[in-house]
Amino acid sequence: MTAPSWTAIVPLRSLTEGKSRLTERSQNAGVLIEALAIDVLRACRACPGIDQVVVVSPDPAVHELARAEGCSTFEEPIAAGINQAIAAARDAYAPSSPVIAILGDAPCLTPEVLTAVLTQASQNAVSFVPDTAGTGSTMWCTQRAESVSHFGSHSRAHHRSSGAVELGPQSPLSNDSLLTWARARRDVDTKVDLWDALRIGAGAATSAAVRNVNTQSTQA
């Protein structure tokens, strides 16, 4: 059986707003938000199981960044929430294809990690990856046309109650498997999250951005 080709949809509201718990300095927050997103997009683009990457956003700066990274873009509908934005982008780009929706703050993703996620996801109609905190989700995968994501507060519980299968390490566990899923689950909302991402192994853009921010803080 031929493995399905997936479309990755990455919702990004803004490169300058949000992540207030990540840094007190707003200009640094923007640098870090952009770096987190770049690492996610590059992991998607390099994953052999993903044949197109679509970034959905209302922000022209996000569209510019996405195109620079070789991704397609979709204008987020006015007043749409994250799940409505994902659904609209899916209708436009992949109405009948398998879709993986990935939040733009998971900088530890690699092509190999995404391949592991998609290998499990291909065995389920709808599935998701919980976040490190255990209440949210970093990814949602579907091969069913009528299904919808449930990102937002307590999304892990909402995804479960919708019938989505939770993805994760299989038994027997190995160190490689544990690290793969630690990378898949690690989103970044706080300074502690960022420290943990760097410990696990953040992507090149995030690592460089943190070094630059730290250098600026030392010189200030």
N, C-alpha and C. Protein backbone atom coordinates (compact mmCIF):
# COMPACT_ATOMS: atom_id res chain seq x y z
N MET A 1 0.84 -1.20 0.00
CA MET A 1 0.00 0.00 0.00
C MET A 1 0.88 1.25 0.00
N THR A 2 0.58 2.19 -0.88
CA THR A 2 1.34 3.42 -0.95
C THR A 2 0.96 4.34 0.21
N ALA A 3 1.98 4.90 0.87
CA ALA A 3 1.72 5.82 1.97
C ALA A 3 1.04 7.07 1.43
N PRO A 4 0.06 7.60 2.17
CA PRO A 4 -0.63 8.80 1.69
C PRO A 4 0.28 10.02 1.72
N SER A 5 0.02 10.96 0.84
CA SER A 5 0.71 12.25 0.86
C SER A 5 -0.16 13.24 1.63
N TRP A 6 0.46 13.91 2.57
CA TRP A 6 -0.28 14.78 3.48
C TRP A 6 -0.08 16.24 3.12
N THR A 7 -1.10 17.02 3.42
CA THR A 7 -0.99 18.49 3.38
C THR A 7 -0.87 18.99 4.80
N ALA A 8 0.16 19.78 5.06
CA ALA A 8 0.33 20.39 6.37
C ALA A 8 -0.29 21.78 6.37
N ILE A 9 -1.14 22.05 7.35
CA ILE A 9 -1.73 23.37 7.52
C ILE A 9 -1.22 23.95 8.83
N VAL A 10 -0.61 25.12 8.74
CA VAL A 10 -0.02 25.76 9.92
C VAL A 10 -0.73 27.09 10.15
N PRO A 11 -1.56 27.20 11.19
CA PRO A 11 -2.21 28.48 11.50
C PRO A 11 -1.27 29.38 12.30
N LEU A 12 -1.11 30.62 11.82
CA LEU A 12 -0.25 31.60 12.50
C LEU A 12 -0.98 32.94 12.53
N ARG A 13 -1.42 33.35 13.69
CA ARG A 13 -2.16 34.60 13.78
C ARG A 13 -1.30 35.81 13.48
N SER A 14 -0.10 35.86 14.07
CA SER A 14 0.71 37.06 13.96
C SER A 14 2.15 36.74 14.31
N LEU A 15 3.07 37.55 13.80
CA LEU A 15 4.47 37.44 14.17
C LEU A 15 4.85 38.40 15.29
N THR A 16 3.92 39.23 15.71
CA THR A 16 4.23 40.25 16.72
C THR A 16 3.36 40.18 17.96
N GLU A 17 2.21 39.52 17.87
CA GLU A 17 1.29 39.49 18.99
C GLU A 17 1.23 38.10 19.61
N GLY A 18 0.98 38.06 20.91
CA GLY A 18 0.88 36.80 21.62
C GLY A 18 2.18 36.45 22.31
N LYS A 19 2.20 35.29 22.95
CA LYS A 19 3.37 34.80 23.67
C LYS A 19 3.83 35.78 24.74
N SER A 20 2.89 36.40 25.45
CA SER A 20 3.25 37.38 26.47
C SER A 20 4.00 36.76 27.63
N ARG A 21 3.85 35.45 27.82
CA ARG A 21 4.55 34.78 28.91
C ARG A 21 5.96 34.35 28.53
N LEU A 22 6.33 34.57 27.28
CA LEU A 22 7.62 34.11 26.80
C LEU A 22 8.74 35.11 27.08
N THR A 23 8.45 36.38 26.98
CA THR A 23 9.44 37.41 27.22
C THR A 23 8.76 38.71 27.58
N GLU A 24 9.42 39.49 28.41
CA GLU A 24 8.86 40.78 28.79
C GLU A 24 9.07 41.84 27.71
N ARG A 25 10.06 41.64 26.86
CA ARG A 25 10.40 42.64 25.84
C ARG A 25 9.68 42.28 24.55
N SER A 26 8.78 43.15 24.12
CA SER A 26 7.91 42.84 22.99
C SER A 26 8.70 42.59 21.70
N GLN A 27 9.80 43.34 21.50
CA GLN A 27 10.56 43.13 20.28
C GLN A 27 11.20 41.75 20.26
N ASN A 28 11.60 41.25 21.42
CA ASN A 28 12.16 39.91 21.50
C ASN A 28 11.09 38.86 21.26
N ALA A 29 9.87 39.12 21.73
CA ALA A 29 8.77 38.18 21.51
C ALA A 29 8.56 37.97 20.02
N GLY A 30 8.59 39.07 19.25
CA GLY A 30 8.41 38.96 17.81
C GLY A 30 9.50 38.12 17.16
N VAL A 31 10.74 38.33 17.58
CA VAL A 31 11.86 37.56 17.05
C VAL A 31 11.68 36.08 17.33
N LEU A 32 11.27 35.76 18.56
CA LEU A 32 11.12 34.36 18.93
C LEU A 32 9.92 33.71 18.26
N ILE A 33 8.80 34.44 18.15
CA ILE A 33 7.62 33.89 17.47
C ILE A 33 7.97 33.53 16.03
N GLU A 34 8.68 34.42 15.36
CA GLU A 34 9.07 34.15 13.97
C GLU A 34 9.99 32.96 13.88
N ALA A 35 10.94 32.85 14.80
CA ALA A 35 11.88 31.73 14.78
C ALA A 35 11.18 30.40 15.02
N LEU A 36 10.26 30.37 15.97
CA LEU A 36 9.50 29.14 16.23
C LEU A 36 8.78 28.70 14.97
N ALA A 37 8.13 29.66 14.30
CA ALA A 37 7.37 29.34 13.10
C ALA A 37 8.29 28.83 11.98
N ILE A 38 9.43 29.46 11.81
CA ILE A 38 10.37 29.05 10.76
C ILE A 38 10.79 27.60 10.96
N ASP A 39 11.09 27.22 12.20
CA ASP A 39 11.52 25.84 12.44
C ASP A 39 10.41 24.85 12.14
N VAL A 40 9.16 25.21 12.45
CA VAL A 40 8.04 24.33 12.12
C VAL A 40 7.90 24.20 10.60
N LEU A 41 7.93 25.31 9.89
CA LEU A 41 7.75 25.28 8.44
C LEU A 41 8.87 24.51 7.76
N ARG A 42 10.09 24.67 8.22
CA ARG A 42 11.21 23.96 7.58
C ARG A 42 11.14 22.46 7.84
N ALA A 43 10.69 22.07 9.02
CA ALA A 43 10.51 20.64 9.29
C ALA A 43 9.44 20.07 8.37
N CYS A 44 8.35 20.80 8.19
CA CYS A 44 7.28 20.36 7.30
C CYS A 44 7.76 20.24 5.86
N ARG A 45 8.47 21.25 5.41
CA ARG A 45 8.93 21.26 4.02
C ARG A 45 9.89 20.12 3.72
N ALA A 46 10.65 19.69 4.73
CA ALA A 46 11.66 18.65 4.52
C ALA A 46 11.12 17.25 4.79
N CYS A 47 9.88 17.14 5.25
CA CYS A 47 9.30 15.82 5.54
C CYS A 47 8.82 15.17 4.25
N PRO A 48 9.30 13.98 3.92
CA PRO A 48 8.91 13.36 2.64
C PRO A 48 7.44 12.99 2.55
N GLY A 49 6.76 12.84 3.67
CA GLY A 49 5.34 12.49 3.64
C GLY A 49 4.41 13.66 3.43
N ILE A 50 4.96 14.88 3.45
CA ILE A 50 4.16 16.10 3.28
C ILE A 50 4.45 16.69 1.92
N ASP A 51 3.41 16.80 1.08
CA ASP A 51 3.65 17.30 -0.28
C ASP A 51 3.32 18.76 -0.47
N GLN A 52 2.62 19.38 0.49
CA GLN A 52 2.44 20.83 0.44
C GLN A 52 2.22 21.35 1.86
N VAL A 53 2.67 22.59 2.06
CA VAL A 53 2.54 23.26 3.36
C VAL A 53 1.77 24.55 3.13
N VAL A 54 0.68 24.71 3.86
CA VAL A 54 -0.18 25.88 3.73
C VAL A 54 -0.20 26.63 5.05
N VAL A 55 0.15 27.89 5.02
CA VAL A 55 0.09 28.74 6.21
C VAL A 55 -1.16 29.60 6.11
N VAL A 56 -2.00 29.55 7.13
CA VAL A 56 -3.23 30.33 7.15
C VAL A 56 -3.09 31.42 8.20
N SER A 57 -3.33 32.67 7.79
CA SER A 57 -3.12 33.81 8.68
C SER A 57 -3.83 35.04 8.13
N PRO A 58 -4.22 35.98 9.02
CA PRO A 58 -4.73 37.26 8.56
C PRO A 58 -3.62 38.31 8.40
N ASP A 59 -2.38 37.94 8.74
CA ASP A 59 -1.26 38.89 8.83
C ASP A 59 -0.42 38.84 7.55
N PRO A 60 -0.30 39.95 6.81
CA PRO A 60 0.52 39.96 5.60
C PRO A 60 1.98 39.59 5.87
N ALA A 61 2.49 39.95 7.05
CA ALA A 61 3.88 39.61 7.38
C ALA A 61 4.06 38.10 7.48
N VAL A 62 3.05 37.40 7.99
CA VAL A 62 3.10 35.95 8.06
C VAL A 62 3.11 35.36 6.66
N HIS A 63 2.27 35.91 5.78
CA HIS A 63 2.23 35.43 4.39
C HIS A 63 3.59 35.61 3.72
N GLU A 64 4.22 36.74 3.97
CA GLU A 64 5.54 37.01 3.38
C GLU A 64 6.56 35.99 3.88
N LEU A 65 6.56 35.74 5.19
CA LEU A 65 7.47 34.76 5.76
C LEU A 65 7.21 33.38 5.16
N ALA A 66 5.95 32.99 5.07
CA ALA A 66 5.59 31.67 4.55
C ALA A 66 6.08 31.49 3.12
N ARG A 67 5.86 32.50 2.29
CA ARG A 67 6.31 32.39 0.90
C ARG A 67 7.82 32.32 0.82
N ALA A 68 8.52 33.05 1.70
CA ALA A 68 9.98 32.98 1.71
C ALA A 68 10.48 31.59 2.08
N GLU A 69 9.67 30.86 2.83
CA GLU A 69 10.03 29.49 3.22
C GLU A 69 9.48 28.45 2.26
N GLY A 70 8.93 28.91 1.13
CA GLY A 70 8.45 27.98 0.10
C GLY A 70 7.09 27.38 0.37
N CYS A 71 6.29 28.05 1.20
CA CYS A 71 4.97 27.54 1.55
C CYS A 71 3.87 28.30 0.82
N SER A 72 2.72 27.67 0.68
CA SER A 72 1.54 28.35 0.17
C SER A 72 0.89 29.14 1.31
N THR A 73 0.05 30.10 0.96
CA THR A 73 -0.62 30.90 1.98
C THR A 73 -2.11 30.96 1.72
N PHE A 74 -2.85 31.17 2.81
CA PHE A 74 -4.30 31.30 2.72
C PHE A 74 -4.73 32.39 3.68
N GLU A 75 -5.54 33.32 3.18
CA GLU A 75 -6.01 34.43 4.00
C GLU A 75 -7.06 33.92 4.98
N GLU A 76 -6.77 34.11 6.27
CA GLU A 76 -7.71 33.65 7.29
C GLU A 76 -9.02 34.42 7.20
N PRO A 77 -10.15 33.74 7.19
CA PRO A 77 -11.44 34.43 7.13
C PRO A 77 -11.60 35.40 8.30
N ILE A 78 -12.31 36.48 8.06
CA ILE A 78 -12.52 37.49 9.09
C ILE A 78 -13.22 36.87 10.29
N ALA A 79 -12.70 37.18 11.49
CA ALA A 79 -13.29 36.74 12.76
C ALA A 79 -13.30 35.22 12.91
N ALA A 80 -12.47 34.54 12.18
CA ALA A 80 -12.41 33.08 12.30
C ALA A 80 -11.53 32.69 13.47
N GLY A 81 -11.90 31.66 14.18
CA GLY A 81 -11.03 31.07 15.17
C GLY A 81 -10.06 30.11 14.52
N ILE A 82 -9.18 29.54 15.31
CA ILE A 82 -8.13 28.69 14.76
C ILE A 82 -8.71 27.47 14.04
N ASN A 83 -9.74 26.88 14.59
CA ASN A 83 -10.31 25.68 13.96
C ASN A 83 -11.05 26.01 12.67
N GLN A 84 -11.73 27.14 12.66
CA GLN A 84 -12.40 27.59 11.44
C GLN A 84 -11.38 27.94 10.36
N ALA A 85 -10.25 28.53 10.80
CA ALA A 85 -9.20 28.88 9.84
C ALA A 85 -8.60 27.63 9.21
N ILE A 86 -8.35 26.62 10.02
CA ILE A 86 -7.82 25.36 9.51
C ILE A 86 -8.80 24.72 8.51
N ALA A 87 -10.08 24.72 8.88
CA ALA A 87 -11.09 24.12 8.01
C ALA A 87 -11.18 24.86 6.68
N ALA A 88 -11.10 26.19 6.72
CA ALA A 88 -11.19 26.97 5.49
C ALA A 88 -9.99 26.71 4.59
N ALA A 89 -8.80 26.64 5.18
CA ALA A 89 -7.60 26.36 4.38
C ALA A 89 -7.66 24.96 3.80
N ARG A 90 -8.19 24.03 4.56
CA ARG A 90 -8.33 22.67 4.05
C ARG A 90 -9.30 22.62 2.88
N ASP A 91 -10.42 23.30 2.99
CA ASP A 91 -11.38 23.33 1.89
C ASP A 91 -10.77 23.90 0.62
N ALA A 92 -9.87 24.87 0.80
CA ALA A 92 -9.27 25.53 -0.36
C ALA A 92 -8.15 24.71 -0.99
N TYR A 93 -7.36 24.01 -0.18
CA TYR A 93 -6.15 23.35 -0.69
C TYR A 93 -6.20 21.83 -0.70
N ALA A 94 -6.95 21.23 0.21
CA ALA A 94 -6.91 19.77 0.31
C ALA A 94 -8.24 19.21 0.77
N PRO A 95 -9.32 19.46 0.02
CA PRO A 95 -10.64 19.03 0.49
C PRO A 95 -10.80 17.52 0.61
N SER A 96 -10.02 16.76 -0.12
CA SER A 96 -10.16 15.30 -0.08
C SER A 96 -8.84 14.59 0.21
N SER A 97 -7.86 15.33 0.70
CA SER A 97 -6.55 14.74 0.99
C SER A 97 -6.32 14.68 2.49
N PRO A 98 -5.46 13.78 2.95
CA PRO A 98 -5.10 13.75 4.37
C PRO A 98 -4.43 15.05 4.79
N VAL A 99 -4.79 15.52 5.96
CA VAL A 99 -4.29 16.80 6.45
C VAL A 99 -3.71 16.63 7.84
N ILE A 100 -2.57 17.28 8.08
CA ILE A 100 -2.03 17.42 9.41
C ILE A 100 -1.96 18.91 9.73
N ALA A 101 -2.67 19.32 10.77
CA ALA A 101 -2.62 20.71 11.22
C ALA A 101 -1.60 20.79 12.36
N ILE A 102 -0.69 21.73 12.25
CA ILE A 102 0.42 21.83 13.20
C ILE A 102 0.50 23.26 13.73
N LEU A 103 0.55 23.41 15.03
CA LEU A 103 0.69 24.74 15.59
C LEU A 103 2.10 25.26 15.34
N GLY A 104 2.23 26.57 15.23
CA GLY A 104 3.49 27.17 14.82
C GLY A 104 4.46 27.44 15.95
N ASP A 105 4.30 26.75 17.08
CA ASP A 105 5.21 26.99 18.21
C ASP A 105 5.82 25.68 18.72
N ALA A 106 6.13 24.79 17.78
CA ALA A 106 6.72 23.49 18.13
C ALA A 106 8.10 23.38 17.47
N PRO A 107 9.11 24.05 18.02
CA PRO A 107 10.39 24.20 17.33
C PRO A 107 11.28 22.97 17.35
N CYS A 108 10.88 21.92 18.07
CA CYS A 108 11.69 20.71 18.13
C CYS A 108 11.33 19.71 17.04
N LEU A 109 10.37 20.05 16.21
CA LEU A 109 9.99 19.15 15.13
C LEU A 109 11.13 18.99 14.13
N THR A 110 11.25 17.79 13.60
CA THR A 110 12.19 17.49 12.52
C THR A 110 11.44 16.67 11.47
N PRO A 111 11.99 16.52 10.28
CA PRO A 111 11.34 15.66 9.29
C PRO A 111 11.13 14.24 9.80
N GLU A 112 12.09 13.73 10.57
CA GLU A 112 11.98 12.37 11.10
C GLU A 112 10.85 12.27 12.12
N VAL A 113 10.71 13.29 12.96
CA VAL A 113 9.63 13.29 13.95
C VAL A 113 8.28 13.32 13.24
N LEU A 114 8.15 14.18 12.24
CA LEU A 114 6.89 14.26 11.51
C LEU A 114 6.60 12.95 10.77
N THR A 115 7.62 12.30 10.27
CA THR A 115 7.41 11.01 9.62
C THR A 115 6.87 9.99 10.62
N ALA A 116 7.39 9.99 11.84
CA ALA A 116 6.89 9.08 12.86
C ALA A 116 5.44 9.38 13.20
N VAL A 117 5.10 10.66 13.30
CA VAL A 117 3.72 11.06 13.57
C VAL A 117 2.80 10.59 12.45
N LEU A 118 3.20 10.85 11.21
CA LEU A 118 2.35 10.50 10.08
C LEU A 118 2.23 8.99 9.89
N THR A 119 3.26 8.25 10.26
CA THR A 119 3.18 6.79 10.18
C THR A 119 2.07 6.27 11.07
N GLN A 120 1.99 6.80 12.29
CA GLN A 120 0.89 6.40 13.17
C GLN A 120 -0.44 6.98 12.70
N ALA A 121 -0.42 8.22 12.27
CA ALA A 121 -1.67 8.89 11.86
C ALA A 121 -2.30 8.18 10.66
N SER A 122 -1.48 7.61 9.79
CA SER A 122 -2.02 6.95 8.60
C SER A 122 -2.85 5.72 8.95
N GLN A 123 -2.70 5.23 10.18
CA GLN A 123 -3.44 4.05 10.63
C GLN A 123 -4.78 4.41 11.29
N ASN A 124 -5.07 5.71 11.35
CA ASN A 124 -6.28 6.17 12.04
C ASN A 124 -7.00 7.20 11.19
N ALA A 125 -8.32 7.21 11.26
CA ALA A 125 -9.08 8.19 10.49
C ALA A 125 -8.81 9.60 10.99
N VAL A 126 -8.81 9.77 12.31
CA VAL A 126 -8.55 11.08 12.91
C VAL A 126 -7.68 10.84 14.15
N SER A 127 -6.67 11.66 14.33
CA SER A 127 -5.76 11.48 15.45
C SER A 127 -5.15 12.82 15.85
N PHE A 128 -4.41 12.81 16.97
CA PHE A 128 -3.80 14.06 17.42
C PHE A 128 -2.61 13.74 18.32
N VAL A 129 -1.76 14.76 18.50
CA VAL A 129 -0.62 14.66 19.41
C VAL A 129 -0.84 15.62 20.56
N PRO A 130 -0.88 15.14 21.80
CA PRO A 130 -1.05 16.04 22.94
C PRO A 130 0.22 16.85 23.18
N ASP A 131 0.08 17.97 23.88
CA ASP A 131 1.25 18.77 24.19
C ASP A 131 1.93 18.26 25.45
N THR A 132 3.07 18.84 25.76
CA THR A 132 3.85 18.40 26.92
C THR A 132 3.09 18.60 28.22
N ALA A 133 2.35 19.68 28.34
CA ALA A 133 1.61 19.96 29.56
C ALA A 133 0.50 18.95 29.81
N GLY A 134 0.03 18.32 28.74
CA GLY A 134 -0.97 17.28 28.87
C GLY A 134 -2.41 17.74 28.77
N THR A 135 -2.63 19.03 28.52
CA THR A 135 -4.00 19.52 28.38
C THR A 135 -4.31 19.99 26.97
N GLY A 136 -3.27 20.34 26.22
CA GLY A 136 -3.47 20.86 24.87
C GLY A 136 -3.03 19.86 23.80
N SER A 137 -2.86 20.36 22.59
CA SER A 137 -2.46 19.53 21.45
C SER A 137 -1.50 20.33 20.58
N THR A 138 -0.54 19.65 19.99
CA THR A 138 0.36 20.31 19.06
C THR A 138 0.02 20.01 17.60
N MET A 139 -0.59 18.85 17.37
CA MET A 139 -0.92 18.44 16.00
C MET A 139 -2.25 17.71 15.97
N TRP A 140 -2.92 17.80 14.84
CA TRP A 140 -4.18 17.09 14.59
C TRP A 140 -4.14 16.57 13.17
N CYS A 141 -4.46 15.29 13.00
CA CYS A 141 -4.36 14.64 11.69
C CYS A 141 -5.70 14.04 11.31
N THR A 142 -6.05 14.17 10.05
CA THR A 142 -7.31 13.58 9.61
C THR A 142 -7.22 13.04 8.19
N GLN A 143 -7.87 11.91 7.98
CA GLN A 143 -8.07 11.36 6.65
C GLN A 143 -9.56 11.32 6.32
N ARG A 144 -10.36 11.99 7.15
CA ARG A 144 -11.81 12.00 7.00
C ARG A 144 -12.25 13.42 6.62
N ALA A 145 -12.96 13.53 5.52
CA ALA A 145 -13.29 14.84 4.96
C ALA A 145 -14.13 15.70 5.90
N GLU A 146 -15.04 15.08 6.65
CA GLU A 146 -15.97 15.87 7.44
C GLU A 146 -15.48 16.21 8.84
N SER A 147 -14.31 15.75 9.23
CA SER A 147 -13.83 15.97 10.59
C SER A 147 -13.29 17.38 10.77
N VAL A 148 -13.31 17.85 12.03
CA VAL A 148 -12.81 19.19 12.35
C VAL A 148 -11.90 19.10 13.57
N SER A 149 -10.96 20.03 13.64
CA SER A 149 -10.04 20.08 14.77
C SER A 149 -10.69 20.79 15.95
N HIS A 150 -10.04 20.63 17.11
CA HIS A 150 -10.57 21.23 18.34
C HIS A 150 -9.45 21.89 19.14
N PHE A 151 -8.58 22.63 18.45
CA PHE A 151 -7.55 23.36 19.16
C PHE A 151 -8.18 24.44 20.02
N GLY A 152 -7.47 24.79 21.10
CA GLY A 152 -7.97 25.79 22.04
C GLY A 152 -7.85 25.25 23.45
N SER A 153 -8.56 25.87 24.37
CA SER A 153 -8.49 25.45 25.76
C SER A 153 -8.89 23.99 25.92
N HIS A 154 -8.05 23.22 26.64
CA HIS A 154 -8.32 21.81 26.92
C HIS A 154 -8.55 21.00 25.63
N SER A 155 -7.73 21.28 24.62
CA SER A 155 -7.94 20.62 23.33
C SER A 155 -7.68 19.12 23.39
N ARG A 156 -6.83 18.68 24.31
CA ARG A 156 -6.60 17.23 24.40
C ARG A 156 -7.92 16.52 24.72
N ALA A 157 -8.65 17.03 25.72
CA ALA A 157 -9.92 16.41 26.09
C ALA A 157 -10.94 16.53 24.96
N HIS A 158 -10.96 17.67 24.29
CA HIS A 158 -11.92 17.86 23.20
C HIS A 158 -11.61 16.95 22.01
N HIS A 159 -10.32 16.81 21.69
CA HIS A 159 -9.96 15.91 20.60
C HIS A 159 -10.33 14.46 20.95
N ARG A 160 -10.05 14.08 22.18
CA ARG A 160 -10.41 12.72 22.60
C ARG A 160 -11.92 12.49 22.51
N SER A 161 -12.68 13.45 23.02
CA SER A 161 -14.14 13.26 23.04
C SER A 161 -14.73 13.27 21.64
N SER A 162 -14.01 13.87 20.69
CA SER A 162 -14.49 13.86 19.29
C SER A 162 -14.22 12.53 18.60
N GLY A 163 -13.47 11.66 19.26
CA GLY A 163 -13.15 10.36 18.67
C GLY A 163 -11.77 10.26 18.08
N ALA A 164 -10.98 11.35 18.14
CA ALA A 164 -9.62 11.32 17.62
C ALA A 164 -8.75 10.42 18.48
N VAL A 165 -7.86 9.67 17.85
CA VAL A 165 -6.95 8.76 18.54
C VAL A 165 -5.70 9.52 18.97
N GLU A 166 -5.31 9.34 20.21
CA GLU A 166 -4.11 10.00 20.71
C GLU A 166 -2.87 9.25 20.25
N LEU A 167 -1.93 9.96 19.63
CA LEU A 167 -0.70 9.37 19.14
C LEU A 167 0.41 9.52 20.17
N GLY A 168 1.35 8.58 20.16
CA GLY A 168 2.43 8.65 21.12
C GLY A 168 3.34 7.45 21.01
N PRO A 169 4.31 7.35 21.92
CA PRO A 169 5.28 6.25 21.87
C PRO A 169 4.61 4.90 22.05
N GLN A 170 5.12 3.94 21.31
CA GLN A 170 4.58 2.59 21.36
C GLN A 170 5.47 1.71 22.23
N SER A 171 4.93 0.66 22.77
CA SER A 171 5.68 -0.27 23.60
C SER A 171 6.29 -1.36 22.70
N PRO A 172 7.53 -1.84 22.99
CA PRO A 172 8.40 -1.38 24.07
C PRO A 172 9.05 -0.05 23.75
N LEU A 173 9.25 0.74 24.78
CA LEU A 173 9.79 2.08 24.58
C LEU A 173 11.30 2.03 24.41
N SER A 174 11.81 2.87 23.57
CA SER A 174 13.25 3.06 23.42
C SER A 174 13.56 4.51 23.66
N ASN A 175 14.82 4.81 23.90
CA ASN A 175 15.21 6.21 24.10
C ASN A 175 14.91 7.04 22.86
N ASP A 176 15.12 6.45 21.68
CA ASP A 176 14.83 7.18 20.44
C ASP A 176 13.35 7.49 20.32
N SER A 177 12.51 6.52 20.68
CA SER A 177 11.06 6.74 20.61
C SER A 177 10.62 7.81 21.59
N LEU A 178 11.15 7.76 22.80
CA LEU A 178 10.78 8.76 23.81
C LEU A 178 11.19 10.16 23.35
N LEU A 179 12.39 10.28 22.77
CA LEU A 179 12.84 11.59 22.30
C LEU A 179 12.00 12.07 21.13
N THR A 180 11.64 11.17 20.22
CA THR A 180 10.79 11.54 19.09
C THR A 180 9.50 12.17 19.57
N TRP A 181 8.85 11.54 20.53
CA TRP A 181 7.55 12.05 20.98
C TRP A 181 7.70 13.23 21.93
N ALA A 182 8.83 13.33 22.62
CA ALA A 182 9.09 14.55 23.39
C ALA A 182 9.19 15.75 22.45
N ARG A 183 9.83 15.55 21.30
CA ARG A 183 9.94 16.61 20.30
C ARG A 183 8.56 16.94 19.73
N ALA A 184 7.76 15.92 19.45
CA ALA A 184 6.45 16.14 18.85
C ALA A 184 5.51 16.90 19.78
N ARG A 185 5.66 16.70 21.08
CA ARG A 185 4.73 17.28 22.05
C ARG A 185 5.16 18.65 22.57
N ARG A 186 6.40 19.05 22.32
CA ARG A 186 6.94 20.25 22.96
C ARG A 186 6.53 21.53 22.24
N ASP A 187 5.52 22.21 22.77
CA ASP A 187 5.18 23.55 22.29
C ASP A 187 5.81 24.56 23.23
N VAL A 188 5.81 25.83 22.83
CA VAL A 188 6.51 26.86 23.61
C VAL A 188 5.58 28.03 23.87
N ASP A 189 5.21 28.21 25.13
CA ASP A 189 4.40 29.35 25.56
C ASP A 189 5.09 30.18 26.63
N THR A 190 6.02 29.59 27.37
CA THR A 190 6.66 30.26 28.50
C THR A 190 8.17 30.13 28.40
N LYS A 191 8.87 30.84 29.28
CA LYS A 191 10.33 30.74 29.32
C LYS A 191 10.77 29.33 29.68
N VAL A 192 10.04 28.69 30.58
CA VAL A 192 10.38 27.31 30.95
C VAL A 192 10.20 26.38 29.75
N ASP A 193 9.13 26.59 28.98
CA ASP A 193 8.92 25.80 27.76
C ASP A 193 10.09 25.97 26.79
N LEU A 194 10.54 27.22 26.66
CA LEU A 194 11.63 27.50 25.73
C LEU A 194 12.91 26.83 26.20
N TRP A 195 13.18 26.91 27.49
CA TRP A 195 14.35 26.23 28.05
C TRP A 195 14.28 24.73 27.75
N ASP A 196 13.10 24.15 27.93
CA ASP A 196 12.95 22.71 27.71
C ASP A 196 13.12 22.37 26.23
N ALA A 197 12.61 23.23 25.35
CA ALA A 197 12.80 23.00 23.92
C ALA A 197 14.27 23.01 23.55
N LEU A 198 15.02 23.94 24.12
CA LEU A 198 16.46 23.99 23.85
C LEU A 198 17.15 22.74 24.40
N ARG A 199 16.69 22.27 25.55
CA ARG A 199 17.26 21.05 26.13
C ARG A 199 17.00 19.84 25.24
N ILE A 200 15.77 19.74 24.72
CA ILE A 200 15.41 18.62 23.86
C ILE A 200 16.13 18.72 22.52
N GLY A 201 16.21 19.93 22.01
CA GLY A 201 16.84 20.16 20.71
C GLY A 201 15.98 20.98 19.79
N ALA A 202 15.97 22.29 20.00
CA ALA A 202 15.19 23.18 19.15
C ALA A 202 15.86 23.33 17.79
N GLY A 203 15.07 23.77 16.82
CA GLY A 203 15.60 23.98 15.48
C GLY A 203 16.59 25.12 15.41
N ALA A 204 17.24 25.25 14.26
CA ALA A 204 18.32 26.22 14.10
C ALA A 204 17.84 27.66 14.27
N ALA A 205 16.65 27.97 13.76
CA ALA A 205 16.16 29.35 13.84
C ALA A 205 15.89 29.75 15.28
N THR A 206 15.24 28.88 16.04
CA THR A 206 14.94 29.18 17.44
C THR A 206 16.22 29.28 18.25
N SER A 207 17.13 28.37 18.04
CA SER A 207 18.39 28.39 18.78
C SER A 207 19.16 29.69 18.51
N ALA A 208 19.20 30.11 17.25
CA ALA A 208 19.90 31.34 16.91
C ALA A 208 19.21 32.55 17.50
N ALA A 209 17.87 32.57 17.47
CA ALA A 209 17.13 33.70 18.02
C ALA A 209 17.37 33.83 19.52
N VAL A 210 17.40 32.72 20.22
CA VAL A 210 17.65 32.77 21.67
C VAL A 210 19.05 33.29 21.95
N ARG A 211 20.02 32.84 21.17
CA ARG A 211 21.39 33.36 21.36
C ARG A 211 21.44 34.86 21.15
N ASN A 212 20.76 35.36 20.12
CA ASN A 212 20.75 36.80 19.84
C ASN A 212 20.07 37.58 20.94
N VAL A 213 18.94 37.06 21.42
CA VAL A 213 18.21 37.74 22.50
C VAL A 213 19.05 37.78 23.76
N ASN A 214 19.72 36.67 24.07
CA ASN A 214 20.55 36.64 25.26
C ASN A 214 21.72 37.59 25.15
N THR A 215 22.29 37.70 23.94
CA THR A 215 23.39 38.64 23.72
C THR A 215 22.94 40.08 23.93
N GLN A 216 21.77 40.41 23.39
CA GLN A 216 21.23 41.75 23.56
C GLN A 216 20.94 42.06 25.03
N SER A 217 20.43 41.08 25.75
CA SER A 217 20.12 41.27 27.17
C SER A 217 21.38 41.51 27.96
N THR A 218 22.47 40.79 27.60
CA THR A 218 23.74 40.95 28.30
C THR A 218 24.34 42.32 28.05
N GLN A 219 24.16 42.82 26.84
CA GLN A 219 24.74 44.11 26.47
C GLN A 219 23.91 45.30 26.94
N ALA A 220 22.62 45.06 27.27
CA ALA A 220 21.73 46.14 27.69
C ALA A 220 22.11 46.68 29.06
